[in-house]
Amino acid sequence: MITPRVQEAAARLSEVPAYLYDLPALDEHVASVRRALGPTELYYAVKANPDPELLRVLAGHVDGFEVSSAGEHAHVTGLLPGVPVALGGPGKTDAELRLPHHRLHVESPNELRRLLAAGVEADVLLRLNPDLPVEGAALTMSGPFGMDEDGVAECLPLFGDRVRLCGLHAHLASGLEAGQLLGLARALLDNPYEEVNLGGGMAVSYERPESRFDWAAYGAGLAELGRGRRLRIEPGRALTVYCGYYVTKVVDVKRVRGRAYAVLLGGTHHLRTPATKGHDQPFAVLPTGKGQAVGEPVTLVGQLCTPKDIFARNIETSLRVGDTVVFAMAGAYAWNISHHDFLMHPKPAFRHLRA
């Protein structure tokens, strides 16, 4: 789960808490995904992790980047001038609708009318949110995301020479395996459009980190389904989650009403993922402390004044004050979604492992 190279780098860190990103591992992983996808275009959903060094590695393999705000747009285009950008997300402002793009994902008939009123040129994908059964998903995208078939029908007569309809966009759910996503793709491709963006949603298991999404099966299936079509996907978490680690130290170990707790520097204001998803964040302990180790089920918590500041519950492990704890799978929806300023603790350091 945590390679010797990462363990060695974590043990050498002079400042913790810190995020440690393994750039060679990211490069290898995304290269393998790119090979597996064949003719399917690959965009990276920047919302998963906008770290500049990660984006530079990703740029060597992806066909473009999906952004969901003017801030993400400025960040990506400033870092990687000329890179193809797809602009999505609900609630776009008039200023965002005017931003340069490769594709614009329109969420509603009203948004399309505002785009037309802006007098700009645009290549549009209509975001469809069809009534399809999605079983076993970690998260389904409904309500404010995209439009139904009636909304799409309302949009169709509005297109012209300056604002051009290129196809459909559909991101229906997250946490699905290759077979499930291919089933959705098969249903979504029952349309006349030559270009379809199928979104992301590839399964990532925090309970079984060794289990990976079957990119080979997914790529082969899309190649078969997409003959004569231009298909695109835009994963985020499944590309970067495995390259990131959150490294911290045990500052206190105590028992309260018969239960053991290890208090760590930092907390979910740095790594909100386990609190958001309600799971135990996978971790390894490096024995850098001194004294008697606690060898019993331990709950790992942070420094925040809330009982929700929990990394992992009742885990069988051996811990002592001063030990280093390395949380894996912290490369996506981690630092960038956390409530950084709660209690105004110091920000974590950021370090990047290079070849």
Protein backbone atom coordinates (compact mmCIF):
# COMPACT_ATOMS: atom_id res chain seq x y z
CA MET A 1 0.00 0.00 0.00
CA ILE A 2 2.79 2.41 0.95
CA THR A 3 6.01 1.77 -0.95
CA PRO A 4 9.43 1.70 0.75
CA ARG A 5 10.37 4.82 -1.23
CA VAL A 6 7.43 6.74 0.19
CA GLN A 7 8.10 5.43 3.71
CA GLU A 8 11.72 6.58 3.51
CA ALA A 9 10.70 10.01 2.24
CA ALA A 10 8.03 10.33 4.95
CA ALA A 11 10.50 9.42 7.71
CA ARG A 12 12.89 12.12 6.43
CA LEU A 13 10.36 14.95 6.42
CA SER A 14 11.52 17.81 8.62
CA GLU A 15 8.07 19.36 8.83
CA VAL A 16 4.76 17.62 9.47
CA PRO A 17 1.89 17.52 8.84
CA ALA A 18 2.76 17.39 5.15
CA TYR A 19 1.34 16.19 1.90
CA LEU A 20 3.73 13.97 -0.03
CA TYR A 21 3.03 13.40 -3.73
CA ASP A 22 4.79 10.58 -5.61
CA LEU A 23 5.12 12.05 -9.11
CA PRO A 24 6.79 9.02 -10.78
CA ALA A 25 3.97 6.80 -9.48
CA LEU A 26 1.41 9.22 -10.90
CA ASP A 27 3.20 9.31 -14.24
CA GLU A 28 3.27 5.51 -14.45
CA HIS A 29 -0.39 5.14 -13.45
CA VAL A 30 -1.78 7.75 -15.85
CA ALA A 31 0.38 6.39 -18.69
CA SER A 32 -1.16 2.94 -18.15
CA VAL A 33 -4.66 4.44 -18.15
CA ARG A 34 -3.92 6.31 -21.37
CA ARG A 35 -2.73 3.08 -23.05
CA ALA A 36 -5.81 1.17 -21.90
CA LEU A 37 -8.25 3.73 -23.28
CA GLY A 38 -7.16 3.45 -26.89
CA PRO A 39 -9.15 5.92 -29.05
CA THR A 40 -11.19 7.31 -26.14
CA GLU A 41 -10.15 10.84 -25.20
CA LEU A 42 -8.98 11.41 -21.63
CA TYR A 43 -9.56 14.67 -19.75
CA TYR A 44 -8.64 15.20 -16.09
CA ALA A 45 -11.26 16.69 -13.73
CA VAL A 46 -9.21 19.40 -12.00
CA LYS A 47 -11.60 19.56 -9.05
CA ALA A 48 -10.07 16.31 -7.74
CA ASN A 49 -6.69 17.94 -7.10
CA PRO A 50 -5.35 21.13 -8.75
CA ASP A 51 -1.78 20.80 -7.41
CA PRO A 52 0.47 22.36 -10.10
CA GLU A 53 3.08 19.61 -10.06
CA LEU A 54 0.39 16.95 -10.52
CA LEU A 55 -1.12 18.90 -13.41
CA ARG A 56 2.27 19.10 -15.14
CA VAL A 57 2.65 15.31 -14.95
CA LEU A 58 -0.92 14.74 -16.13
CA ALA A 59 -0.44 17.11 -19.08
CA GLY A 60 1.97 14.61 -20.60
CA HIS A 61 -0.79 12.00 -20.92
CA VAL A 62 -4.25 13.58 -21.04
CA ASP A 63 -6.02 15.18 -23.99
CA GLY A 64 -7.25 18.10 -21.92
CA PHE A 65 -8.59 19.30 -18.57
CA GLU A 66 -12.13 19.72 -17.26
CA VAL A 67 -12.61 22.83 -15.12
CA SER A 68 -15.70 23.99 -13.25
CA SER A 69 -15.04 27.62 -12.41
CA ALA A 70 -13.23 30.74 -13.55
CA GLY A 71 -10.67 30.08 -10.82
CA GLU A 72 -9.85 26.59 -12.09
CA HIS A 73 -9.81 27.92 -15.66
CA ALA A 74 -7.28 30.64 -14.77
CA HIS A 75 -5.18 28.17 -12.77
CA VAL A 76 -4.93 25.60 -15.57
CA THR A 77 -4.50 27.98 -18.50
CA GLY A 78 -1.92 30.03 -16.60
CA LEU A 79 0.06 26.91 -15.77
CA LEU A 80 -0.38 25.15 -19.13
CA PRO A 81 -1.03 27.76 -21.85
CA GLY A 82 -2.81 26.38 -24.91
CA VAL A 83 -4.02 23.19 -23.26
CA PRO A 84 -7.57 22.12 -24.30
CA VAL A 85 -10.07 23.01 -21.59
CA ALA A 86 -13.65 21.87 -21.13
CA LEU A 87 -15.69 24.22 -18.93
CA GLY A 88 -18.47 22.61 -16.92
CA GLY A 89 -20.38 23.00 -13.69
CA PRO A 90 -23.79 24.39 -12.70
CA GLY A 91 -24.42 28.08 -12.08
CA LYS A 92 -21.94 29.56 -14.53
CA THR A 93 -21.73 33.34 -14.47
CA ASP A 94 -21.88 35.45 -17.62
CA ALA A 95 -18.14 36.05 -17.26
CA GLU A 96 -17.48 32.30 -17.13
CA LEU A 97 -19.58 31.71 -20.23
CA ARG A 98 -17.24 34.05 -22.11
CA LEU A 99 -14.07 32.18 -21.14
CA PRO A 100 -12.09 30.54 -23.98
CA HIS A 101 -12.59 26.78 -24.12
CA HIS A 102 -12.40 23.66 -26.23
CA ARG A 103 -15.84 22.54 -25.10
CA LEU A 104 -18.51 24.21 -22.97
CA HIS A 105 -20.84 21.92 -21.01
CA VAL A 106 -24.23 23.66 -20.92
CA GLU A 107 -26.42 22.77 -17.95
CA SER A 108 -29.81 24.27 -18.84
CA PRO A 109 -31.86 26.03 -21.55
CA ASN A 110 -31.50 29.30 -19.63
CA GLU A 111 -27.72 28.93 -19.52
CA LEU A 112 -27.71 28.37 -23.29
CA ARG A 113 -29.81 31.50 -23.84
CA ARG A 114 -27.38 33.54 -21.74
CA LEU A 115 -24.50 32.11 -23.77
CA LEU A 116 -26.24 33.17 -26.99
CA ALA A 117 -26.84 36.65 -25.57
CA ALA A 118 -23.14 36.98 -24.75
CA GLY A 119 -22.39 37.02 -28.49
CA VAL A 120 -19.39 34.68 -28.25
CA GLU A 121 -18.47 31.60 -30.26
CA ALA A 122 -18.78 28.31 -28.43
CA ASP A 123 -18.65 24.57 -29.06
CA VAL A 124 -21.24 23.06 -26.76
CA LEU A 125 -22.04 19.72 -25.19
CA LEU A 126 -25.49 19.59 -23.58
CA ARG A 127 -25.33 17.98 -20.17
CA LEU A 128 -27.97 15.29 -20.05
CA ASN A 129 -29.19 13.81 -16.77
CA PRO A 130 -31.35 10.92 -17.97
CA ASP A 131 -33.61 8.78 -15.84
CA LEU A 132 -31.41 5.70 -15.82
CA PRO A 133 -31.12 3.24 -12.92
CA VAL A 134 -27.73 3.52 -11.21
CA GLU A 135 -27.18 0.80 -8.63
CA GLY A 136 -24.23 0.52 -6.28
CA ALA A 137 -23.02 4.10 -6.78
CA ALA A 138 -21.21 5.99 -4.03
CA LEU A 139 -22.82 9.22 -5.25
CA THR A 140 -25.46 9.99 -7.88
CA MET A 141 -25.59 13.28 -9.74
CA SER A 142 -29.18 14.45 -9.84
CA GLY A 143 -31.25 17.57 -9.23
CA PRO A 144 -29.24 20.66 -10.26
CA PHE A 145 -26.83 18.79 -12.52
CA GLY A 146 -27.66 18.92 -16.20
CA MET A 147 -31.14 18.60 -17.69
CA ASP A 148 -33.67 15.99 -18.67
CA GLU A 149 -34.72 15.07 -22.19
CA ASP A 150 -37.28 17.90 -22.27
CA GLY A 151 -34.55 20.41 -21.43
CA VAL A 152 -32.35 19.07 -24.22
CA ALA A 153 -35.25 19.30 -26.67
CA GLU A 154 -35.79 22.93 -25.64
CA CYS A 155 -32.14 23.69 -26.41
CA LEU A 156 -31.93 22.09 -29.86
CA PRO A 157 -33.65 24.85 -31.92
CA LEU A 158 -31.46 27.55 -30.37
CA PHE A 159 -28.14 26.59 -31.95
CA GLY A 160 -26.65 28.45 -34.89
CA ASP A 161 -23.37 29.34 -36.56
CA ARG A 162 -21.69 30.97 -33.56
CA VAL A 163 -22.87 28.61 -30.84
CA ARG A 164 -22.52 25.09 -32.19
CA LEU A 165 -23.90 21.83 -30.81
CA CYS A 166 -21.19 19.16 -30.77
CA GLY A 167 -22.86 16.46 -28.68
CA LEU A 168 -23.81 15.34 -25.18
CA HIS A 169 -22.19 15.26 -21.77
CA ALA A 170 -23.37 12.88 -19.04
CA HIS A 171 -21.79 12.19 -15.66
CA LEU A 172 -24.38 10.19 -13.73
CA ALA A 173 -22.64 8.69 -10.69
CA SER A 174 -19.41 7.99 -8.86
CA GLY A 175 -17.95 4.80 -7.43
CA LEU A 176 -18.83 2.42 -10.25
CA GLU A 177 -16.85 -0.52 -11.60
CA ALA A 178 -15.98 -0.94 -15.28
CA GLY A 179 -18.93 -3.20 -16.10
CA GLN A 180 -21.40 -0.81 -14.49
CA LEU A 181 -19.98 2.19 -16.33
CA LEU A 182 -20.05 0.31 -19.62
CA GLY A 183 -23.70 -0.52 -19.02
CA LEU A 184 -24.48 3.17 -18.54
CA ALA A 185 -22.39 4.06 -21.60
CA ARG A 186 -24.36 1.58 -23.70
CA ALA A 187 -27.62 3.27 -22.69
CA LEU A 188 -26.25 6.80 -23.11
CA LEU A 189 -24.94 6.07 -26.59
CA ASP A 190 -28.45 5.34 -27.81
CA ASN A 191 -28.55 8.81 -29.36
CA PRO A 192 -27.70 10.41 -32.73
CA TYR A 193 -24.76 12.51 -31.53
CA GLU A 194 -21.27 11.81 -32.83
CA GLU A 195 -19.55 13.19 -29.73
CA VAL A 196 -20.32 12.04 -26.19
CA ASN A 197 -18.52 12.83 -22.94
CA LEU A 198 -19.25 10.06 -20.44
CA GLY A 199 -17.79 11.84 -17.42
CA GLY A 200 -15.91 10.03 -14.68
CA GLY A 201 -17.13 8.03 -11.68
CA MET A 202 -14.58 5.18 -11.70
CA ALA A 203 -14.62 3.19 -8.46
CA VAL A 204 -11.93 3.85 -5.86
CA SER A 205 -11.95 1.66 -2.74
CA TYR A 206 -10.55 3.12 0.48
CA GLU A 207 -11.42 -0.12 2.26
CA ARG A 208 -9.42 -2.21 -0.25
CA PRO A 209 -6.67 0.08 -1.59
CA GLU A 210 -5.11 -2.76 -3.55
CA SER A 211 -8.30 -3.08 -5.63
CA ARG A 212 -8.07 -0.92 -8.74
CA PHE A 213 -10.54 0.01 -11.45
CA ASP A 214 -10.26 -2.26 -14.50
CA TRP A 215 -9.08 0.28 -17.07
CA ALA A 216 -8.26 -2.40 -19.66
CA ALA A 217 -11.82 -3.76 -19.66
CA TYR A 218 -13.31 -0.29 -19.68
CA GLY A 219 -11.10 0.90 -22.54
CA ALA A 220 -11.84 -2.19 -24.62
CA GLY A 221 -15.56 -1.83 -23.99
CA LEU A 222 -15.60 1.85 -24.96
CA ALA A 223 -13.62 1.12 -28.13
CA GLU A 224 -16.29 -1.40 -29.13
CA LEU A 225 -19.23 0.85 -28.19
CA GLY A 226 -17.75 3.98 -29.69
CA ARG A 227 -17.06 2.88 -33.23
CA GLY A 228 -17.73 5.90 -35.42
CA ARG A 229 -18.16 8.12 -32.33
CA ARG A 230 -15.89 10.57 -30.56
CA LEU A 231 -15.92 9.43 -26.93
CA ARG A 232 -14.37 11.28 -24.01
CA ILE A 233 -14.12 10.60 -20.28
CA GLU A 234 -13.03 12.94 -17.50
CA PRO A 235 -11.96 11.06 -14.34
CA GLY A 236 -10.44 12.85 -11.38
CA ARG A 237 -10.12 10.79 -8.20
CA ALA A 238 -9.20 7.57 -10.03
CA LEU A 239 -6.18 9.25 -11.63
CA THR A 240 -4.54 11.05 -8.69
CA VAL A 241 -5.78 9.47 -5.46
CA TYR A 242 -3.05 6.82 -5.28
CA CYS A 243 -0.10 9.20 -5.63
CA GLY A 244 -0.88 11.28 -2.53
CA TYR A 245 0.01 10.76 1.15
CA TYR A 246 -0.70 12.78 4.26
CA VAL A 247 2.13 12.45 6.77
CA THR A 248 1.80 13.41 10.42
CA LYS A 249 2.90 12.39 13.94
CA VAL A 250 1.26 11.11 17.10
CA VAL A 251 1.24 13.85 19.73
CA ASP A 252 -0.75 12.03 22.43
CA VAL A 253 -2.09 8.57 23.25
CA LYS A 254 -4.79 8.17 25.88
CA ARG A 255 -7.64 5.98 27.08
CA VAL A 256 -11.09 7.35 27.74
CA ARG A 257 -13.75 5.03 29.20
CA GLY A 258 -11.75 2.00 28.17
CA ARG A 259 -11.08 3.11 24.58
CA ALA A 260 -7.70 4.11 23.16
CA TYR A 261 -7.22 7.28 21.16
CA ALA A 262 -4.18 8.55 19.28
CA VAL A 263 -4.20 12.31 18.79
CA LEU A 264 -2.30 13.36 15.67
CA LEU A 265 -0.93 16.69 14.57
CA GLY A 266 -3.24 18.17 11.94
CA GLY A 267 -6.66 16.72 11.33
CA THR A 268 -9.58 16.71 8.97
CA HIS A 269 -9.07 20.43 8.31
CA HIS A 270 -6.12 19.12 6.24
CA LEU A 271 -7.57 15.78 5.12
CA ARG A 272 -11.34 15.93 5.10
CA THR A 273 -11.83 12.80 3.00
CA PRO A 274 -12.58 10.27 5.79
CA ALA A 275 -15.05 12.61 7.48
CA THR A 276 -16.76 13.36 4.17
CA LYS A 277 -17.05 9.77 2.99
CA GLY A 278 -17.41 8.15 6.42
CA HIS A 279 -14.59 5.65 5.99
CA ASP A 280 -11.35 4.75 7.74
CA GLN A 281 -8.45 6.32 5.87
CA PRO A 282 -5.83 3.62 5.12
CA PHE A 283 -2.51 4.25 6.85
CA ALA A 284 0.82 2.83 7.94
CA VAL A 285 2.78 3.56 11.12
CA LEU A 286 6.51 4.29 11.06
CA PRO A 287 8.03 3.61 14.51
CA THR A 288 9.80 6.95 15.02
CA GLY A 289 8.59 7.48 18.61
CA LYS A 290 9.80 6.34 21.99
CA GLY A 291 8.24 4.67 24.98
CA GLN A 292 5.63 1.99 25.41
CA ALA A 293 3.54 1.21 22.35
CA VAL A 294 -0.22 0.83 22.60
CA GLY A 295 -1.07 -2.49 21.00
CA GLU A 296 -4.86 -2.49 20.96
CA PRO A 297 -7.66 -1.08 18.80
CA VAL A 298 -7.04 2.67 18.50
CA THR A 299 -9.09 5.51 17.06
CA LEU A 300 -6.95 8.06 15.23
CA VAL A 301 -8.12 11.65 15.66
CA GLY A 302 -6.85 15.14 14.88
CA GLN A 303 -6.50 18.40 16.81
CA LEU A 304 -9.88 19.94 16.05
CA CYS A 305 -12.49 20.74 18.70
CA THR A 306 -15.10 18.44 17.23
CA PRO A 307 -15.84 14.72 17.71
CA LYS A 308 -16.05 14.41 13.91
CA ASP A 309 -12.29 14.97 13.53
CA ILE A 310 -11.60 11.27 12.98
CA PHE A 311 -9.22 9.61 10.53
CA ALA A 312 -9.91 5.96 11.41
CA ARG A 313 -11.89 4.09 14.08
CA ASN A 314 -10.86 1.17 16.32
CA ILE A 315 -7.99 -0.04 14.18
CA GLU A 316 -5.74 -2.83 15.43
CA THR A 317 -2.26 -1.29 15.37
CA SER A 318 0.77 -0.47 17.50
CA LEU A 319 1.25 3.24 18.25
CA ARG A 320 3.32 5.41 20.55
CA VAL A 321 3.83 9.14 20.99
CA GLY A 322 6.20 10.43 18.32
CA ASP A 323 5.41 7.74 15.75
CA THR A 324 4.93 8.89 12.17
CA VAL A 325 1.59 8.06 10.55
CA VAL A 326 1.35 7.99 6.77
CA PHE A 327 -2.18 8.11 5.37
CA ALA A 328 -2.44 6.71 1.86
CA MET A 329 -4.91 7.58 -0.91
CA ALA A 330 -4.69 11.29 -0.18
CA GLY A 331 -4.13 12.48 -3.74
CA ALA A 332 -7.72 13.51 -4.52
CA TYR A 333 -10.51 15.41 -2.76
CA ALA A 334 -8.28 15.82 0.27
CA TRP A 335 -6.55 19.14 1.00
CA ASN A 336 -8.55 21.06 -1.60
CA ILE A 337 -11.95 20.20 -0.06
CA SER A 338 -10.93 20.66 3.60
CA HIS A 339 -11.97 23.49 5.94
CA HIS A 340 -8.44 24.90 6.17
CA ASP A 341 -8.99 27.78 8.59
CA PHE A 342 -11.05 26.07 11.27
CA LEU A 343 -9.14 26.74 14.55
CA MET A 344 -6.40 28.44 12.46
CA HIS A 345 -3.84 25.65 12.88
CA PRO A 346 -0.77 25.84 10.58
CA LYS A 347 -1.20 24.71 6.99
CA PRO A 348 0.54 21.46 5.97
CA ALA A 349 3.75 21.44 3.97
CA PHE A 350 3.72 20.09 0.41
CA ARG A 351 6.51 17.91 -0.90
CA HIS A 352 6.91 16.12 -4.22
CA LEU A 353 8.85 12.92 -4.82
CA ARG A 354 10.60 12.99 -8.18
CA ALA A 355 12.41 10.36 -10.22
